[in-house]
Amino acid sequence: MNTDEALYVNLKVLAQLQPYQRLNTRQTLFQITPVDTNNRFTEYLTHVPEWLRRWMEGSSRDSDFSRIRDLIYKAFKTMEREAQRQKIITHLRDAMTGLHNLKKTYETDMTYMARITTLIDDIKEHVGQYVEEVLEDNNSDFFD
C-alpha cells in the first residue's frame, strides 16, 4: 500500500469516528473500536479489555495522539501539491468531525481535549492559506 492511500484511508476512518468510540492507530490503517455500553460483563468475558490490550502493545493515549497528529501534518505536506490540495482539504474538513467526536470520548481529560483542540486549530490555520479556493468550490462552511 502506498503512503498516499494510507493517508486518505486513515483520514476517512478518522472522519467516521463517533462519540465514545476509540481509535486504534497501532496498525498502518487506523481502526475504530466501538465501546459496547449495553453489556460490560459480556465485553470483559469475550474480549481483552482495551487498557490491557494497550499495555501489552505498548500503546497509550500519547502514542495514539502522536499518530493522529503525524497523519494531519502529513496531510498538510500533501496539501502543498496543488493537484492534491482540494482532495486533502475535503478530507481534513471531514476528519475535523471525528476529532470533535474524539473530544467527547475524552471529555474528562482536559489535557487531551486541549491537544485535540490545538490540532483542530492547526487544521483551520493550514487550510486557511487556501480559503479562497475552498470558498470558490462552495465549501464556505468549512470553518463552521
N, C-alpha and C. Protein backbone atom coordinates (compact mmCIF):
# COMPACT_ATOMS: atom_id res chain seq x y z
N MET A 1 0.85 -1.18 0.00
CA MET A 1 0.00 0.00 0.00
C MET A 1 0.89 1.24 0.00
N ASN A 2 0.58 2.17 -0.89
CA ASN A 2 1.39 3.38 -0.91
C ASN A 2 0.97 4.33 0.21
N THR A 3 1.83 5.26 0.52
CA THR A 3 1.58 6.13 1.68
C THR A 3 0.42 7.09 1.45
N ASP A 4 0.19 7.51 0.19
CA ASP A 4 -0.96 8.37 -0.07
C ASP A 4 -2.26 7.63 0.17
N GLU A 5 -2.31 6.37 -0.18
CA GLU A 5 -3.52 5.59 0.06
C GLU A 5 -3.79 5.47 1.56
N ALA A 6 -2.77 5.17 2.34
CA ALA A 6 -2.92 5.08 3.79
C ALA A 6 -3.37 6.42 4.37
N LEU A 7 -2.83 7.51 3.84
CA LEU A 7 -3.22 8.85 4.30
C LEU A 7 -4.72 9.06 4.12
N TYR A 8 -5.22 8.80 2.91
CA TYR A 8 -6.63 9.03 2.63
C TYR A 8 -7.53 8.07 3.40
N VAL A 9 -7.14 6.82 3.51
CA VAL A 9 -7.94 5.84 4.25
C VAL A 9 -8.01 6.25 5.72
N ASN A 10 -6.88 6.62 6.32
CA ASN A 10 -6.87 6.99 7.74
C ASN A 10 -7.65 8.27 8.00
N LEU A 11 -7.61 9.22 7.08
CA LEU A 11 -8.44 10.43 7.24
C LEU A 11 -9.92 10.07 7.17
N LYS A 12 -10.28 9.15 6.29
CA LYS A 12 -11.67 8.71 6.19
C LYS A 12 -12.11 7.98 7.46
N VAL A 13 -11.25 7.14 8.00
CA VAL A 13 -11.58 6.43 9.24
C VAL A 13 -11.75 7.44 10.37
N LEU A 14 -10.85 8.38 10.47
CA LEU A 14 -10.96 9.43 11.49
C LEU A 14 -12.27 10.19 11.35
N ALA A 15 -12.69 10.46 10.13
CA ALA A 15 -13.94 11.19 9.88
C ALA A 15 -15.15 10.40 10.35
N GLN A 16 -15.07 9.08 10.34
CA GLN A 16 -16.20 8.22 10.72
C GLN A 16 -16.31 8.01 12.23
N LEU A 17 -15.33 8.45 12.98
CA LEU A 17 -15.31 8.24 14.42
C LEU A 17 -16.52 8.92 15.09
N GLN A 18 -17.22 8.16 15.90
CA GLN A 18 -18.38 8.67 16.62
C GLN A 18 -18.00 8.91 18.08
N PRO A 19 -18.81 9.72 18.80
CA PRO A 19 -18.51 9.94 20.22
C PRO A 19 -18.42 8.63 20.99
N TYR A 20 -17.45 8.56 21.86
CA TYR A 20 -17.21 7.44 22.77
C TYR A 20 -16.64 6.19 22.09
N GLN A 21 -16.32 6.28 20.80
CA GLN A 21 -15.61 5.19 20.15
C GLN A 21 -14.12 5.45 20.29
N ARG A 22 -13.35 4.39 20.33
CA ARG A 22 -11.90 4.51 20.43
C ARG A 22 -11.29 4.33 19.05
N LEU A 23 -10.18 4.99 18.84
CA LEU A 23 -9.46 4.89 17.58
C LEU A 23 -8.18 4.10 17.80
N ASN A 24 -8.05 3.00 17.12
CA ASN A 24 -6.86 2.16 17.21
C ASN A 24 -5.90 2.60 16.10
N THR A 25 -4.77 3.13 16.48
CA THR A 25 -3.80 3.65 15.50
C THR A 25 -2.56 2.76 15.41
N ARG A 26 -2.62 1.58 15.99
CA ARG A 26 -1.42 0.74 16.08
C ARG A 26 -1.02 0.08 14.77
N GLN A 27 -1.92 -0.02 13.83
CA GLN A 27 -1.62 -0.61 12.52
C GLN A 27 -1.39 0.51 11.50
N THR A 28 -0.97 0.13 10.31
CA THR A 28 -0.80 1.11 9.24
C THR A 28 -2.11 1.83 8.96
N LEU A 29 -3.19 1.07 8.94
CA LEU A 29 -4.52 1.65 8.74
C LEU A 29 -5.25 1.71 10.08
N PHE A 30 -5.77 2.89 10.40
CA PHE A 30 -6.49 3.07 11.65
C PHE A 30 -7.76 2.23 11.66
N GLN A 31 -8.20 1.87 12.86
CA GLN A 31 -9.43 1.11 13.03
C GLN A 31 -10.23 1.72 14.17
N ILE A 32 -11.55 1.68 14.04
CA ILE A 32 -12.43 2.16 15.09
C ILE A 32 -12.80 0.98 15.98
N THR A 33 -12.65 1.18 17.28
CA THR A 33 -13.01 0.16 18.25
C THR A 33 -14.24 0.65 18.99
N PRO A 34 -15.41 0.11 18.65
CA PRO A 34 -16.62 0.58 19.34
C PRO A 34 -16.63 0.14 20.79
N VAL A 35 -17.26 0.94 21.62
CA VAL A 35 -17.41 0.61 23.03
C VAL A 35 -18.84 0.14 23.22
N ASP A 36 -19.00 -1.09 23.70
CA ASP A 36 -20.33 -1.65 23.97
C ASP A 36 -20.78 -1.18 25.34
N THR A 37 -21.64 -0.18 25.35
CA THR A 37 -22.09 0.38 26.62
C THR A 37 -23.27 -0.39 27.20
N ASN A 38 -23.82 -1.34 26.44
CA ASN A 38 -25.00 -2.05 26.90
C ASN A 38 -24.67 -3.23 27.82
N ASN A 39 -23.53 -3.89 27.58
CA ASN A 39 -23.26 -5.10 28.33
C ASN A 39 -21.77 -5.18 28.66
N ARG A 40 -21.34 -4.54 29.70
CA ARG A 40 -19.93 -4.53 30.10
C ARG A 40 -19.47 -5.93 30.52
N PHE A 41 -20.33 -6.71 31.15
CA PHE A 41 -19.96 -8.05 31.61
C PHE A 41 -19.56 -8.92 30.42
N THR A 42 -20.38 -8.93 29.37
CA THR A 42 -20.08 -9.71 28.17
C THR A 42 -18.82 -9.22 27.50
N GLU A 43 -18.63 -7.90 27.48
CA GLU A 43 -17.43 -7.33 26.86
C GLU A 43 -16.16 -7.88 27.52
N TYR A 44 -16.14 -7.96 28.83
CA TYR A 44 -14.95 -8.44 29.52
C TYR A 44 -14.76 -9.95 29.38
N LEU A 45 -15.84 -10.69 29.21
CA LEU A 45 -15.71 -12.13 29.04
C LEU A 45 -15.24 -12.51 27.64
N THR A 46 -15.65 -11.77 26.64
CA THR A 46 -15.38 -12.17 25.26
C THR A 46 -14.25 -11.40 24.60
N HIS A 47 -13.80 -10.32 25.19
CA HIS A 47 -12.75 -9.51 24.59
C HIS A 47 -11.70 -9.14 25.64
N VAL A 48 -10.52 -8.93 25.16
CA VAL A 48 -9.48 -8.42 26.05
C VAL A 48 -9.79 -6.94 26.30
N PRO A 49 -9.82 -6.50 27.55
CA PRO A 49 -10.12 -5.10 27.83
C PRO A 49 -9.11 -4.18 27.11
N GLU A 50 -9.60 -3.03 26.70
CA GLU A 50 -8.78 -2.09 25.94
C GLU A 50 -7.53 -1.68 26.71
N TRP A 51 -7.64 -1.43 28.00
CA TRP A 51 -6.47 -1.00 28.79
C TRP A 51 -5.39 -2.08 28.79
N LEU A 52 -5.81 -3.35 28.85
CA LEU A 52 -4.85 -4.45 28.84
C LEU A 52 -4.22 -4.60 27.45
N ARG A 53 -5.02 -4.46 26.42
CA ARG A 53 -4.51 -4.54 25.06
C ARG A 53 -3.49 -3.43 24.82
N ARG A 54 -3.80 -2.21 25.25
CA ARG A 54 -2.86 -1.08 25.10
C ARG A 54 -1.55 -1.36 25.83
N TRP A 55 -1.67 -1.87 27.05
CA TRP A 55 -0.48 -2.15 27.85
C TRP A 55 0.39 -3.21 27.18
N MET A 56 -0.23 -4.28 26.67
CA MET A 56 0.52 -5.35 26.03
C MET A 56 1.23 -4.87 24.75
N GLU A 57 0.62 -3.95 24.05
CA GLU A 57 1.20 -3.46 22.80
C GLU A 57 2.08 -2.24 22.99
N GLY A 58 2.18 -1.75 24.22
CA GLY A 58 2.99 -0.57 24.48
C GLY A 58 2.38 0.70 23.94
N SER A 59 1.06 0.71 23.84
CA SER A 59 0.35 1.87 23.29
C SER A 59 -0.21 2.71 24.43
N SER A 60 -0.49 3.97 24.12
CA SER A 60 -1.06 4.87 25.11
C SER A 60 -1.82 5.98 24.38
N ARG A 61 -2.51 6.80 25.14
CA ARG A 61 -3.17 7.96 24.53
C ARG A 61 -2.14 8.83 23.83
N ASP A 62 -0.99 8.98 24.46
CA ASP A 62 0.05 9.82 23.87
C ASP A 62 0.52 9.28 22.52
N SER A 63 0.75 7.97 22.45
CA SER A 63 1.22 7.40 21.19
C SER A 63 0.13 7.46 20.13
N ASP A 64 -1.13 7.24 20.54
CA ASP A 64 -2.23 7.34 19.57
C ASP A 64 -2.39 8.78 19.08
N PHE A 65 -2.29 9.74 20.00
CA PHE A 65 -2.40 11.13 19.58
C PHE A 65 -1.26 11.50 18.64
N SER A 66 -0.08 11.01 18.91
CA SER A 66 1.07 11.30 18.04
C SER A 66 0.83 10.77 16.63
N ARG A 67 0.24 9.59 16.51
CA ARG A 67 -0.08 9.03 15.19
C ARG A 67 -1.12 9.89 14.48
N ILE A 68 -2.13 10.37 15.22
CA ILE A 68 -3.15 11.23 14.62
C ILE A 68 -2.51 12.54 14.17
N ARG A 69 -1.69 13.14 15.03
CA ARG A 69 -1.01 14.39 14.69
C ARG A 69 -0.10 14.21 13.48
N ASP A 70 0.65 13.11 13.44
CA ASP A 70 1.52 12.85 12.29
C ASP A 70 0.70 12.71 11.00
N LEU A 71 -0.46 12.09 11.10
CA LEU A 71 -1.34 11.95 9.94
C LEU A 71 -1.78 13.32 9.43
N ILE A 72 -2.20 14.18 10.34
CA ILE A 72 -2.67 15.51 9.95
C ILE A 72 -1.52 16.32 9.34
N TYR A 73 -0.35 16.25 9.93
CA TYR A 73 0.79 17.01 9.38
C TYR A 73 1.26 16.45 8.04
N LYS A 74 1.08 15.15 7.85
CA LYS A 74 1.38 14.59 6.53
C LYS A 74 0.37 15.12 5.50
N ALA A 75 -0.87 15.27 5.93
CA ALA A 75 -1.89 15.84 5.05
C ALA A 75 -1.52 17.28 4.68
N PHE A 76 -1.01 18.05 5.65
CA PHE A 76 -0.58 19.42 5.36
C PHE A 76 0.51 19.42 4.29
N LYS A 77 1.45 18.50 4.41
CA LYS A 77 2.55 18.41 3.45
C LYS A 77 2.00 18.04 2.06
N THR A 78 1.06 17.13 2.02
CA THR A 78 0.45 16.72 0.76
C THR A 78 -0.36 17.87 0.15
N MET A 79 -0.94 18.70 1.01
CA MET A 79 -1.75 19.83 0.55
C MET A 79 -0.91 20.84 -0.22
N GLU A 80 0.39 20.82 -0.03
CA GLU A 80 1.26 21.73 -0.77
C GLU A 80 1.28 21.41 -2.26
N ARG A 81 0.99 20.16 -2.60
CA ARG A 81 0.92 19.78 -4.02
C ARG A 81 -0.44 20.20 -4.55
N GLU A 82 -0.44 21.08 -5.50
CA GLU A 82 -1.69 21.66 -5.99
C GLU A 82 -2.66 20.61 -6.51
N ALA A 83 -2.14 19.57 -7.14
CA ALA A 83 -3.02 18.54 -7.69
C ALA A 83 -3.80 17.80 -6.60
N GLN A 84 -3.26 17.72 -5.39
CA GLN A 84 -3.90 17.01 -4.29
C GLN A 84 -4.66 17.92 -3.33
N ARG A 85 -4.51 19.22 -3.50
CA ARG A 85 -4.98 20.17 -2.50
C ARG A 85 -6.47 20.06 -2.18
N GLN A 86 -7.32 20.10 -3.18
CA GLN A 86 -8.76 20.11 -2.91
C GLN A 86 -9.21 18.80 -2.24
N LYS A 87 -8.63 17.70 -2.67
CA LYS A 87 -8.96 16.41 -2.09
C LYS A 87 -8.57 16.36 -0.61
N ILE A 88 -7.38 16.85 -0.30
CA ILE A 88 -6.91 16.86 1.10
C ILE A 88 -7.77 17.80 1.94
N ILE A 89 -8.10 18.97 1.40
CA ILE A 89 -8.93 19.92 2.14
C ILE A 89 -10.27 19.28 2.50
N THR A 90 -10.87 18.57 1.56
CA THR A 90 -12.14 17.89 1.82
C THR A 90 -11.98 16.83 2.90
N HIS A 91 -10.92 16.05 2.82
CA HIS A 91 -10.68 15.00 3.82
C HIS A 91 -10.41 15.61 5.20
N LEU A 92 -9.68 16.71 5.26
CA LEU A 92 -9.41 17.35 6.54
C LEU A 92 -10.69 17.92 7.15
N ARG A 93 -11.53 18.50 6.32
CA ARG A 93 -12.81 19.02 6.82
C ARG A 93 -13.62 17.89 7.45
N ASP A 94 -13.68 16.75 6.77
CA ASP A 94 -14.43 15.61 7.30
C ASP A 94 -13.77 15.05 8.56
N ALA A 95 -12.45 15.02 8.59
CA ALA A 95 -11.73 14.50 9.75
C ALA A 95 -11.95 15.36 10.99
N MET A 96 -12.21 16.64 10.79
CA MET A 96 -12.47 17.51 11.94
C MET A 96 -13.69 17.03 12.72
N THR A 97 -14.67 16.47 12.04
CA THR A 97 -15.84 15.93 12.73
C THR A 97 -15.43 14.81 13.68
N GLY A 98 -14.58 13.91 13.19
CA GLY A 98 -14.08 12.83 14.04
C GLY A 98 -13.27 13.35 15.21
N LEU A 99 -12.48 14.40 14.98
CA LEU A 99 -11.70 14.97 16.08
C LEU A 99 -12.62 15.58 17.14
N HIS A 100 -13.68 16.25 16.71
CA HIS A 100 -14.65 16.79 17.67
C HIS A 100 -15.30 15.65 18.47
N ASN A 101 -15.60 14.55 17.79
CA ASN A 101 -16.18 13.39 18.48
C ASN A 101 -15.18 12.76 19.44
N LEU A 102 -13.91 12.77 19.07
CA LEU A 102 -12.87 12.25 19.96
C LEU A 102 -12.79 13.08 21.24
N LYS A 103 -13.03 14.38 21.13
CA LYS A 103 -13.05 15.23 22.32
C LYS A 103 -14.15 14.78 23.28
N LYS A 104 -15.30 14.36 22.74
CA LYS A 104 -16.39 13.87 23.59
C LYS A 104 -15.98 12.58 24.29
N THR A 105 -15.24 11.74 23.58
CA THR A 105 -14.80 10.47 24.16
C THR A 105 -13.91 10.72 25.37
N TYR A 106 -13.06 11.74 25.29
CA TYR A 106 -12.10 12.02 26.36
C TYR A 106 -12.46 13.31 27.10
N GLU A 107 -13.74 13.55 27.29
CA GLU A 107 -14.19 14.81 27.88
C GLU A 107 -13.73 15.02 29.31
N THR A 108 -13.30 13.96 29.99
CA THR A 108 -12.83 14.13 31.37
C THR A 108 -11.31 14.39 31.43
N ASP A 109 -10.63 14.31 30.30
CA ASP A 109 -9.19 14.52 30.25
C ASP A 109 -8.93 15.87 29.58
N MET A 110 -8.81 16.90 30.40
CA MET A 110 -8.69 18.27 29.88
C MET A 110 -7.43 18.47 29.03
N THR A 111 -6.35 17.80 29.39
CA THR A 111 -5.12 17.94 28.61
C THR A 111 -5.28 17.34 27.23
N TYR A 112 -5.87 16.16 27.15
CA TYR A 112 -6.08 15.50 25.86
C TYR A 112 -7.04 16.33 25.00
N MET A 113 -8.09 16.87 25.63
CA MET A 113 -9.03 17.72 24.89
C MET A 113 -8.32 18.97 24.35
N ALA A 114 -7.42 19.55 25.14
CA ALA A 114 -6.68 20.73 24.69
C ALA A 114 -5.77 20.38 23.52
N ARG A 115 -5.16 19.20 23.56
CA ARG A 115 -4.30 18.77 22.45
C ARG A 115 -5.12 18.61 21.17
N ILE A 116 -6.31 18.02 21.29
CA ILE A 116 -7.17 17.84 20.12
C ILE A 116 -7.62 19.20 19.60
N THR A 117 -8.00 20.11 20.49
CA THR A 117 -8.43 21.45 20.08
C THR A 117 -7.31 22.17 19.35
N THR A 118 -6.09 22.03 19.84
CA THR A 118 -4.94 22.64 19.18
C THR A 118 -4.74 22.07 17.79
N LEU A 119 -4.94 20.78 17.64
CA LEU A 119 -4.81 20.14 16.33
C LEU A 119 -5.90 20.65 15.38
N ILE A 120 -7.11 20.81 15.87
CA ILE A 120 -8.20 21.36 15.06
C ILE A 120 -7.85 22.78 14.63
N ASP A 121 -7.29 23.58 15.54
CA ASP A 121 -6.87 24.94 15.20
C ASP A 121 -5.78 24.93 14.13
N ASP A 122 -4.85 23.96 14.21
CA ASP A 122 -3.81 23.84 13.19
C ASP A 122 -4.41 23.53 11.83
N ILE A 123 -5.43 22.68 11.80
CA ILE A 123 -6.09 22.37 10.53
C ILE A 123 -6.71 23.64 9.95
N LYS A 124 -7.42 24.38 10.78
CA LYS A 124 -8.05 25.63 10.30
C LYS A 124 -7.00 26.60 9.77
N GLU A 125 -5.87 26.70 10.47
CA GLU A 125 -4.82 27.62 10.05
C GLU A 125 -4.21 27.20 8.70
N HIS A 126 -3.90 25.93 8.56
CA HIS A 126 -3.27 25.47 7.32
C HIS A 126 -4.23 25.54 6.14
N VAL A 127 -5.47 25.16 6.36
CA VAL A 127 -6.45 25.24 5.28
C VAL A 127 -6.77 26.70 4.96
N GLY A 128 -6.69 27.54 5.97
CA GLY A 128 -6.95 28.97 5.77
C GLY A 128 -6.04 29.61 4.73
N GLN A 129 -4.88 29.02 4.51
CA GLN A 129 -3.98 29.54 3.48
C GLN A 129 -4.61 29.41 2.10
N TYR A 130 -5.54 28.48 1.96
CA TYR A 130 -6.17 28.21 0.67
C TYR A 130 -7.67 28.49 0.71
N VAL A 131 -8.09 29.32 1.65
CA VAL A 131 -9.52 29.52 1.89
C VAL A 131 -10.24 30.05 0.65
N GLU A 132 -9.61 30.86 -0.17
CA GLU A 132 -10.27 31.35 -1.38
C GLU A 132 -10.64 30.19 -2.29
N GLU A 133 -9.74 29.21 -2.40
CA GLU A 133 -10.05 28.03 -3.21
C GLU A 133 -11.23 27.28 -2.60
N VAL A 134 -11.26 27.19 -1.29
CA VAL A 134 -12.34 26.48 -0.62
C VAL A 134 -13.66 27.21 -0.88
N LEU A 135 -13.65 28.53 -0.76
CA LEU A 135 -14.86 29.31 -0.98
C LEU A 135 -15.34 29.22 -2.43
N GLU A 136 -14.42 29.20 -3.37
CA GLU A 136 -14.79 29.10 -4.77
C GLU A 136 -15.47 27.78 -5.09
N ASP A 137 -15.14 26.74 -4.34
CA ASP A 137 -15.72 25.43 -4.59
C ASP A 137 -16.93 25.15 -3.71
N ASN A 138 -17.59 26.20 -3.24
CA ASN A 138 -18.82 26.08 -2.45
C ASN A 138 -18.62 25.31 -1.13
N ASN A 139 -17.47 25.41 -0.56
CA ASN A 139 -17.19 24.78 0.73
C ASN A 139 -17.03 25.84 1.82
N SER A 140 -17.81 26.89 1.72
CA SER A 140 -17.65 28.01 2.63
C SER A 140 -17.98 27.65 4.08
N ASP A 141 -18.62 26.52 4.30
CA ASP A 141 -18.95 26.12 5.66
C ASP A 141 -17.83 25.33 6.33
N PHE A 142 -16.65 25.34 5.73
CA PHE A 142 -15.53 24.56 6.26
C PHE A 142 -15.26 24.89 7.71
N PHE A 143 -15.26 26.16 8.05
CA PHE A 143 -14.86 26.57 9.39
C PHE A 143 -16.03 26.61 10.37
N ASP A 144 -17.20 26.15 9.97
CA ASP A 144 -18.35 26.13 10.89
C ASP A 144 -18.22 25.04 11.91
